[in-house]
N, C-alpha and C. Protein backbone atom coordinates (compact mmCIF):
# COMPACT_ATOMS: atom_id res chain seq x y z
N MET A 1 -11.10 39.74 -110.14
CA MET A 1 -12.15 40.61 -109.66
C MET A 1 -13.50 40.21 -110.24
N LEU A 2 -13.50 39.76 -111.48
CA LEU A 2 -14.77 39.35 -112.07
C LEU A 2 -15.31 38.09 -111.42
N LYS A 3 -14.42 37.23 -110.90
CA LYS A 3 -14.87 36.05 -110.16
C LYS A 3 -15.66 36.46 -108.93
N LEU A 4 -15.18 37.50 -108.25
CA LEU A 4 -15.90 38.00 -107.08
C LEU A 4 -17.29 38.49 -107.45
N LEU A 5 -17.41 39.07 -108.62
CA LEU A 5 -18.69 39.59 -109.06
C LEU A 5 -19.69 38.46 -109.29
N PHE A 6 -19.24 37.37 -109.91
CA PHE A 6 -20.15 36.27 -110.22
C PHE A 6 -20.36 35.32 -109.05
N LEU A 7 -19.34 35.14 -108.21
CA LEU A 7 -19.47 34.18 -107.11
C LEU A 7 -20.22 34.76 -105.92
N GLY A 8 -20.06 36.03 -105.67
CA GLY A 8 -20.62 36.59 -104.44
C GLY A 8 -22.00 37.18 -104.56
N GLY A 9 -22.53 37.32 -105.75
CA GLY A 9 -23.84 37.93 -105.91
C GLY A 9 -23.79 39.40 -105.55
N LEU A 10 -24.67 39.82 -104.66
CA LEU A 10 -24.75 41.23 -104.26
C LEU A 10 -23.50 41.66 -103.50
N TYR A 11 -23.01 40.77 -102.63
CA TYR A 11 -21.79 41.11 -101.87
C TYR A 11 -20.59 41.24 -102.81
N GLY A 12 -20.52 40.39 -103.80
CA GLY A 12 -19.44 40.48 -104.79
C GLY A 12 -19.52 41.76 -105.59
N LEU A 13 -20.74 42.16 -105.92
CA LEU A 13 -20.93 43.40 -106.66
C LEU A 13 -20.51 44.61 -105.83
N VAL A 14 -20.89 44.62 -104.56
CA VAL A 14 -20.50 45.72 -103.67
C VAL A 14 -18.99 45.74 -103.49
N LEU A 15 -18.40 44.57 -103.29
CA LEU A 15 -16.94 44.49 -103.11
C LEU A 15 -16.21 44.93 -104.38
N PHE A 16 -16.75 44.54 -105.54
CA PHE A 16 -16.13 44.92 -106.81
C PHE A 16 -16.12 46.44 -106.96
N PHE A 17 -17.26 47.10 -106.71
CA PHE A 17 -17.31 48.55 -106.86
C PHE A 17 -16.52 49.27 -105.77
N PHE A 18 -16.46 48.67 -104.59
CA PHE A 18 -15.64 49.26 -103.53
C PHE A 18 -14.16 49.22 -103.90
N LEU A 19 -13.71 48.08 -104.42
CA LEU A 19 -12.30 47.98 -104.84
C LEU A 19 -12.02 48.89 -106.03
N LEU A 20 -12.99 49.02 -106.92
CA LEU A 20 -12.82 49.92 -108.06
C LEU A 20 -12.72 51.38 -107.59
N LEU A 21 -13.56 51.75 -106.64
CA LEU A 21 -13.51 53.10 -106.08
C LEU A 21 -12.20 53.34 -105.35
N LEU A 22 -11.73 52.34 -104.61
CA LEU A 22 -10.45 52.45 -103.91
C LEU A 22 -9.30 52.62 -104.89
N LEU A 23 -9.34 51.89 -105.99
CA LEU A 23 -8.31 52.01 -107.01
C LEU A 23 -8.33 53.40 -107.65
N LEU A 24 -9.52 53.92 -107.92
CA LEU A 24 -9.62 55.26 -108.50
C LEU A 24 -9.12 56.33 -107.53
N LEU A 25 -9.43 56.18 -106.26
CA LEU A 25 -8.93 57.14 -105.27
C LEU A 25 -7.41 57.09 -105.15
N LEU A 26 -6.86 55.90 -105.24
CA LEU A 26 -5.40 55.75 -105.20
C LEU A 26 -4.76 56.40 -106.41
N LEU A 27 -5.35 56.21 -107.58
CA LEU A 27 -4.81 56.86 -108.78
C LEU A 27 -4.94 58.38 -108.69
N LEU A 28 -6.03 58.87 -108.14
CA LEU A 28 -6.20 60.31 -107.95
C LEU A 28 -5.16 60.87 -106.98
N LEU A 29 -4.88 60.14 -105.93
CA LEU A 29 -3.86 60.56 -104.97
C LEU A 29 -2.48 60.59 -105.61
N LEU A 30 -2.16 59.59 -106.41
CA LEU A 30 -0.87 59.58 -107.10
C LEU A 30 -0.77 60.73 -108.09
N LEU A 31 -1.86 61.03 -108.77
CA LEU A 31 -1.86 62.16 -109.69
C LEU A 31 -1.68 63.48 -108.96
N LEU A 32 -2.31 63.61 -107.82
CA LEU A 32 -2.14 64.82 -107.01
C LEU A 32 -0.71 64.97 -106.51
N LEU A 33 -0.10 63.89 -106.07
CA LEU A 33 1.30 63.94 -105.64
C LEU A 33 2.23 64.31 -106.79
N LEU A 34 1.96 63.78 -107.96
CA LEU A 34 2.76 64.13 -109.13
C LEU A 34 2.61 65.61 -109.47
N LEU A 35 1.40 66.12 -109.38
CA LEU A 35 1.16 67.53 -109.64
C LEU A 35 1.88 68.42 -108.63
N LEU A 36 1.84 68.05 -107.36
CA LEU A 36 2.55 68.82 -106.34
C LEU A 36 4.06 68.80 -106.57
N PHE A 37 4.59 67.66 -106.97
CA PHE A 37 6.02 67.56 -107.26
C PHE A 37 6.40 68.44 -108.44
N LEU A 38 5.56 68.45 -109.48
CA LEU A 38 5.85 69.30 -110.64
C LEU A 38 5.75 70.78 -110.29
N LEU A 39 4.80 71.15 -109.44
CA LEU A 39 4.72 72.54 -108.99
C LEU A 39 5.93 72.93 -108.15
N PHE A 40 6.42 72.00 -107.34
CA PHE A 40 7.63 72.27 -106.55
C PHE A 40 8.84 72.48 -107.46
N LEU A 41 8.97 71.65 -108.50
CA LEU A 41 10.07 71.83 -109.44
C LEU A 41 9.96 73.15 -110.19
N LEU A 42 8.74 73.53 -110.55
CA LEU A 42 8.53 74.82 -111.22
C LEU A 42 8.90 75.97 -110.29
N PHE A 43 8.52 75.87 -109.02
CA PHE A 43 8.87 76.91 -108.05
C PHE A 43 10.39 77.03 -107.92
N LEU A 44 11.09 75.90 -107.81
CA LEU A 44 12.55 75.96 -107.71
C LEU A 44 13.17 76.59 -108.95
N PHE A 45 12.67 76.21 -110.11
CA PHE A 45 13.19 76.75 -111.36
C PHE A 45 13.00 78.26 -111.42
N LEU A 46 11.78 78.73 -111.10
CA LEU A 46 11.51 80.17 -111.13
C LEU A 46 12.30 80.91 -110.05
N PHE A 47 12.45 80.30 -108.87
CA PHE A 47 13.20 80.95 -107.80
C PHE A 47 14.65 81.16 -108.21
N PHE A 48 15.28 80.15 -108.81
CA PHE A 48 16.68 80.30 -109.18
C PHE A 48 16.86 81.25 -110.35
N ILE A 49 15.89 81.32 -111.26
CA ILE A 49 15.97 82.32 -112.34
C ILE A 49 15.88 83.72 -111.75
N CYS A 50 14.93 83.94 -110.84
CA CYS A 50 14.78 85.26 -110.22
C CYS A 50 16.00 85.62 -109.38
N PHE A 51 16.56 84.63 -108.68
CA PHE A 51 17.76 84.91 -107.88
C PHE A 51 18.93 85.28 -108.78
N LYS A 52 19.06 84.59 -109.91
CA LYS A 52 20.15 84.90 -110.83
C LYS A 52 20.00 86.31 -111.38
N LEU A 53 18.77 86.69 -111.76
CA LEU A 53 18.54 88.05 -112.26
C LEU A 53 18.77 89.09 -111.17
N ALA A 54 18.31 88.80 -109.96
CA ALA A 54 18.50 89.75 -108.86
C ALA A 54 19.98 89.92 -108.54
N PHE A 55 20.74 88.84 -108.61
CA PHE A 55 22.17 88.92 -108.34
C PHE A 55 22.87 89.76 -109.40
N LYS A 56 22.50 89.57 -110.67
CA LYS A 56 23.11 90.37 -111.74
C LYS A 56 22.76 91.84 -111.59
N ILE A 57 21.49 92.13 -111.30
CA ILE A 57 21.08 93.52 -111.13
C ILE A 57 21.74 94.14 -109.91
N SER A 58 21.87 93.38 -108.84
CA SER A 58 22.50 93.92 -107.64
C SER A 58 23.98 94.20 -107.88
N LEU A 59 24.64 93.37 -108.69
CA LEU A 59 26.03 93.67 -109.04
C LEU A 59 26.12 94.99 -109.80
N LYS A 60 25.22 95.17 -110.78
CA LYS A 60 25.24 96.41 -111.56
C LYS A 60 24.95 97.62 -110.68
N VAL A 61 23.91 97.52 -109.86
CA VAL A 61 23.51 98.66 -109.04
C VAL A 61 24.58 98.98 -108.00
N SER A 62 25.13 97.96 -107.35
CA SER A 62 26.09 98.20 -106.28
C SER A 62 27.41 98.74 -106.79
N PHE A 63 27.88 98.25 -107.93
CA PHE A 63 29.18 98.70 -108.40
C PHE A 63 29.10 99.98 -109.22
N LYS A 64 27.92 100.30 -109.78
CA LYS A 64 27.78 101.59 -110.45
C LYS A 64 27.68 102.71 -109.44
N ARG A 65 26.98 102.46 -108.38
CA ARG A 65 26.78 103.49 -107.35
C ARG A 65 27.40 103.01 -106.04
N PHE A 66 28.69 102.85 -106.03
CA PHE A 66 29.37 102.38 -104.82
C PHE A 66 29.37 103.50 -103.79
N SER A 67 28.81 103.21 -102.64
CA SER A 67 28.72 104.24 -101.61
C SER A 67 29.13 103.65 -100.27
N THR A 68 29.03 104.47 -99.23
CA THR A 68 29.44 104.01 -97.90
C THR A 68 28.45 103.02 -97.30
N ASN A 69 27.23 102.98 -97.82
CA ASN A 69 26.26 102.04 -97.27
C ASN A 69 26.27 100.69 -97.97
N PHE A 70 27.33 100.43 -98.74
CA PHE A 70 27.46 99.12 -99.39
C PHE A 70 27.87 98.08 -98.36
N LEU A 71 27.11 97.01 -98.29
CA LEU A 71 27.38 95.94 -97.33
C LEU A 71 27.42 94.60 -98.05
N PRO A 72 28.10 93.62 -97.47
CA PRO A 72 28.06 92.27 -98.06
C PRO A 72 26.66 91.67 -98.07
N SER A 73 25.77 92.20 -97.24
CA SER A 73 24.40 91.68 -97.24
C SER A 73 23.63 92.08 -98.49
N ASP A 74 24.24 92.91 -99.34
CA ASP A 74 23.60 93.23 -100.61
C ASP A 74 23.48 92.00 -101.50
N PHE A 75 24.36 91.02 -101.28
CA PHE A 75 24.33 89.80 -102.09
C PHE A 75 23.76 88.66 -101.26
N CYS A 76 22.51 88.72 -100.95
CA CYS A 76 21.91 87.67 -100.13
C CYS A 76 20.77 87.02 -100.90
N PHE A 77 20.23 85.95 -100.34
CA PHE A 77 19.19 85.17 -101.00
C PHE A 77 17.84 85.84 -100.80
N GLY A 78 17.55 86.81 -101.64
CA GLY A 78 16.27 87.49 -101.53
C GLY A 78 15.23 86.96 -102.49
N GLY A 79 15.68 86.33 -103.56
CA GLY A 79 14.74 85.75 -104.51
C GLY A 79 13.94 86.79 -105.28
N PHE A 80 12.69 86.53 -105.40
CA PHE A 80 11.81 87.37 -106.21
C PHE A 80 11.65 88.77 -105.62
N LEU A 81 11.60 88.87 -104.28
CA LEU A 81 11.45 90.19 -103.66
C LEU A 81 12.67 91.06 -103.91
N SER A 82 13.85 90.46 -103.90
CA SER A 82 15.06 91.24 -104.21
C SER A 82 15.06 91.71 -105.65
N LEU A 83 14.53 90.86 -106.53
CA LEU A 83 14.44 91.27 -107.93
C LEU A 83 13.50 92.46 -108.07
N LEU A 84 12.35 92.40 -107.44
CA LEU A 84 11.41 93.53 -107.49
C LEU A 84 12.01 94.78 -106.85
N TYR A 85 12.69 94.59 -105.74
CA TYR A 85 13.31 95.73 -105.04
C TYR A 85 14.37 96.39 -105.92
N SER A 86 15.18 95.57 -106.57
CA SER A 86 16.25 96.14 -107.39
C SER A 86 15.71 96.78 -108.66
N LEU A 87 14.57 96.31 -109.15
CA LEU A 87 13.99 96.93 -110.33
C LEU A 87 13.31 98.26 -110.01
N THR A 88 12.75 98.37 -108.82
CA THR A 88 12.02 99.60 -108.49
C THR A 88 12.91 100.65 -107.84
N ASN A 89 13.96 100.27 -107.14
CA ASN A 89 14.82 101.23 -106.44
C ASN A 89 16.24 101.14 -106.98
N ARG A 90 16.47 101.75 -108.13
CA ARG A 90 17.80 101.67 -108.72
C ARG A 90 18.77 102.68 -108.12
N ASN A 91 18.27 103.63 -107.36
CA ASN A 91 19.16 104.65 -106.82
C ASN A 91 19.80 104.24 -105.50
N VAL A 92 19.40 103.12 -104.92
CA VAL A 92 20.02 102.63 -103.70
C VAL A 92 20.53 101.23 -103.95
N SER A 93 21.49 100.81 -103.14
CA SER A 93 22.03 99.47 -103.32
C SER A 93 21.03 98.44 -102.82
N LEU A 94 21.13 97.25 -103.38
CA LEU A 94 20.19 96.18 -103.06
C LEU A 94 20.41 95.69 -101.64
N ARG A 95 19.35 95.60 -100.89
CA ARG A 95 19.42 95.12 -99.51
C ARG A 95 18.72 93.77 -99.40
N CYS A 96 19.07 93.04 -98.38
CA CYS A 96 18.43 91.74 -98.14
C CYS A 96 17.05 91.98 -97.54
N LEU A 97 16.03 91.42 -98.16
CA LEU A 97 14.67 91.59 -97.65
C LEU A 97 14.22 90.39 -96.83
N ILE A 98 14.84 89.25 -97.05
CA ILE A 98 14.40 88.03 -96.36
C ILE A 98 15.49 87.57 -95.40
C-alpha cells in the first residue's frame, strides 16, 4: 500500500485513503455482526431462563389449584409473558399467551 502512495502521487494518496476507509468500514461491519450475534445469544439465554422459571411456576400453580379449567396448554412456550402472567395471577392456572 505504501508503494501506491509513493508511485501514484495524488492518485496513490486518494487510493490509499480509499482503501483504508474501506478496510475500516469492513471492520466496523464485522464488529456490528459480532455484536448482533452476541445479543442473539443473550436473548436465547434469557428466554430459556424465563421459560424454565415459568414452567416451574406453572407446575406449582396448576397442581396446587387443580381445577376443571386445567388444560395441557398450561404448559406451552410462553416465555417471558408467561412468567409475568404466572407471577401476577397466582389464583388461576397458567394459560398460553403466545
